[in-house]
Amino acid sequence: MSELHRITADLKVCGGRPCLRGTRVRVKDVLDLLAAGTSRDLILADYPYLEDGDITAALEYASQQVDHPVTLAA
């Protein structure tokens, strides 16, 4: 089941960047933490107002953003 319903964007919050459930936690913030090797459990401990589904939503959102053809110059 998709978790994308957890992603919100509002010009008044973080300049319209994608955030999690209206908070000021940007999708990019969660992705950066995951890329740095931070576990889901530690992210949830540091941001107690987030839920596991929010992390899944961030990953799902990122996955959709990179799902397009790329043409490389020869």
C-alpha atoms as a PDB file:
ATOM      1  CA  MET A   1       0.000   0.000   0.000  1.00  0.00           C
ATOM      2  CA  SER A   2       1.276   3.444  -0.917  1.00  0.00           C
ATOM      3  CA  GLU A   3       2.324   5.833   1.827  1.00  0.00           C
ATOM      4  CA  LEU A   4       2.549   8.872  -0.458  1.00  0.00           C
ATOM      5  CA  HIS A   5      -0.486  10.423   1.250  1.00  0.00           C
ATOM      6  CA  ARG A   6       1.952  11.311   4.055  1.00  0.00           C
ATOM      7  CA  ILE A   7       3.887  13.708   1.807  1.00  0.00           C
ATOM      8  CA  THR A   8       2.700  17.316   1.865  1.00  0.00           C
ATOM      9  CA  ALA A   9       3.892  20.483   0.187  1.00  0.00           C
ATOM     10  CA  ASP A  10       2.872  23.963   1.299  1.00  0.00           C
ATOM     11  CA  LEU A  11       4.564  27.156   0.153  1.00  0.00           C
ATOM     12  CA  LYS A  12       4.360  28.441   3.747  1.00  0.00           C
ATOM     13  CA  VAL A  13       6.228  25.408   5.119  1.00  0.00           C
ATOM     14  CA  CYS A  14       9.857  24.913   4.103  1.00  0.00           C
ATOM     15  CA  GLY A  15       9.334  26.934   0.935  1.00  0.00           C
ATOM     16  CA  GLY A  16       7.034  24.331  -0.582  1.00  0.00           C
ATOM     17  CA  ARG A  17       9.540  21.509  -0.361  1.00  0.00           C
ATOM     18  CA  PRO A  18       8.027  18.052   0.216  1.00  0.00           C
ATOM     19  CA  CYS A  19       7.563  17.410   3.947  1.00  0.00           C
ATOM     20  CA  LEU A  20       6.137  14.650   6.081  1.00  0.00           C
ATOM     21  CA  ARG A  21       2.533  15.111   7.237  1.00  0.00           C
ATOM     22  CA  GLY A  22       2.633  18.892   7.462  1.00  0.00           C
ATOM     23  CA  THR A  23       5.650  18.941   9.769  1.00  0.00           C
ATOM     24  CA  ARG A  24       8.828  20.835   8.969  1.00  0.00           C
ATOM     25  CA  VAL A  25      10.682  17.563   8.463  1.00  0.00           C
ATOM     26  CA  ARG A  26      11.526  17.490   4.779  1.00  0.00           C
ATOM     27  CA  VAL A  27      11.632  14.316   2.729  1.00  0.00           C
ATOM     28  CA  LYS A  28      15.246  15.247   1.958  1.00  0.00           C
ATOM     29  CA  ASP A  29      16.092  15.338   5.670  1.00  0.00           C
ATOM     30  CA  VAL A  30      14.954  11.750   6.123  1.00  0.00           C
ATOM     31  CA  LEU A  31      16.687  10.613   2.927  1.00  0.00           C
ATOM     32  CA  ASP A  32      19.932  12.272   4.019  1.00  0.00           C
ATOM     33  CA  LEU A  33      19.778  10.509   7.373  1.00  0.00           C
ATOM     34  CA  LEU A  34      19.139   7.146   5.719  1.00  0.00           C
ATOM     35  CA  ALA A  35      21.958   7.744   3.208  1.00  0.00           C
ATOM     36  CA  ALA A  36      24.304   8.466   6.114  1.00  0.00           C
ATOM     37  CA  GLY A  37      23.464   5.076   7.585  1.00  0.00           C
ATOM     38  CA  THR A  38      21.062   6.190  10.303  1.00  0.00           C
ATOM     39  CA  SER A  39      18.628   3.419  11.204  1.00  0.00           C
ATOM     40  CA  ARG A  40      14.874   3.826  11.095  1.00  0.00           C
ATOM     41  CA  ASP A  41      14.759   3.251  14.844  1.00  0.00           C
ATOM     42  CA  LEU A  42      17.218   6.079  15.524  1.00  0.00           C
ATOM     43  CA  ILE A  43      15.363   8.467  13.189  1.00  0.00           C
ATOM     44  CA  LEU A  44      12.108   7.677  14.982  1.00  0.00           C
ATOM     45  CA  ALA A  45      13.780   8.179  18.356  1.00  0.00           C
ATOM     46  CA  ASP A  46      15.200  11.555  17.297  1.00  0.00           C
ATOM     47  CA  TYR A  47      11.900  12.644  15.713  1.00  0.00           C
ATOM     48  CA  PRO A  48       9.226  11.112  17.971  1.00  0.00           C
ATOM     49  CA  TYR A  49       6.395  12.792  16.039  1.00  0.00           C
ATOM     50  CA  LEU A  50       7.310  10.757  12.934  1.00  0.00           C
ATOM     51  CA  GLU A  51       6.015   7.266  12.252  1.00  0.00           C
ATOM     52  CA  ASP A  52       7.632   4.362  10.437  1.00  0.00           C
ATOM     53  CA  GLY A  53       5.251   4.947   7.523  1.00  0.00           C
ATOM     54  CA  ASP A  54       6.710   8.441   7.116  1.00  0.00           C
ATOM     55  CA  ILE A  55      10.129   6.961   6.412  1.00  0.00           C
ATOM     56  CA  THR A  56       8.591   4.567   3.917  1.00  0.00           C
ATOM     57  CA  ALA A  57       6.792   7.520   2.298  1.00  0.00           C
ATOM     58  CA  ALA A  58      10.082   9.411   1.900  1.00  0.00           C
ATOM     59  CA  LEU A  59      11.673   6.411   0.197  1.00  0.00           C
ATOM     60  CA  GLU A  60       8.656   5.876  -2.029  1.00  0.00           C
ATOM     61  CA  TYR A  61       8.611   9.555  -2.997  1.00  0.00           C
ATOM     62  CA  ALA A  62      12.310   9.482  -3.879  1.00  0.00           C
ATOM     63  CA  SER A  63      11.851   6.322  -5.900  1.00  0.00           C
ATOM     64  CA  GLN A  64       9.165   7.964  -8.018  1.00  0.00           C
ATOM     65  CA  GLN A  65      11.266  11.083  -8.554  1.00  0.00           C
ATOM     66  CA  VAL A  66      14.084   9.131 -10.194  1.00  0.00           C
ATOM     67  CA  ASP A  67      11.831   6.937 -12.338  1.00  0.00           C
ATOM     68  CA  HIS A  68      12.349   8.662 -15.671  1.00  0.00           C
ATOM     69  CA  PRO A  69      14.536   8.046 -18.700  1.00  0.00           C
ATOM     70  CA  VAL A  70      18.004   9.567 -18.651  1.00  0.00           C
ATOM     71  CA  THR A  71      19.863  10.314 -21.857  1.00  0.00           C
ATOM     72  CA  LEU A  72      23.617  10.306 -21.498  1.00  0.00           C
ATOM     73  CA  ALA A  73      25.801  12.204 -23.921  1.00  0.00           C
ATOM     74  CA  ALA A  74      28.192  10.012 -25.871  1.00  0.00           C
END
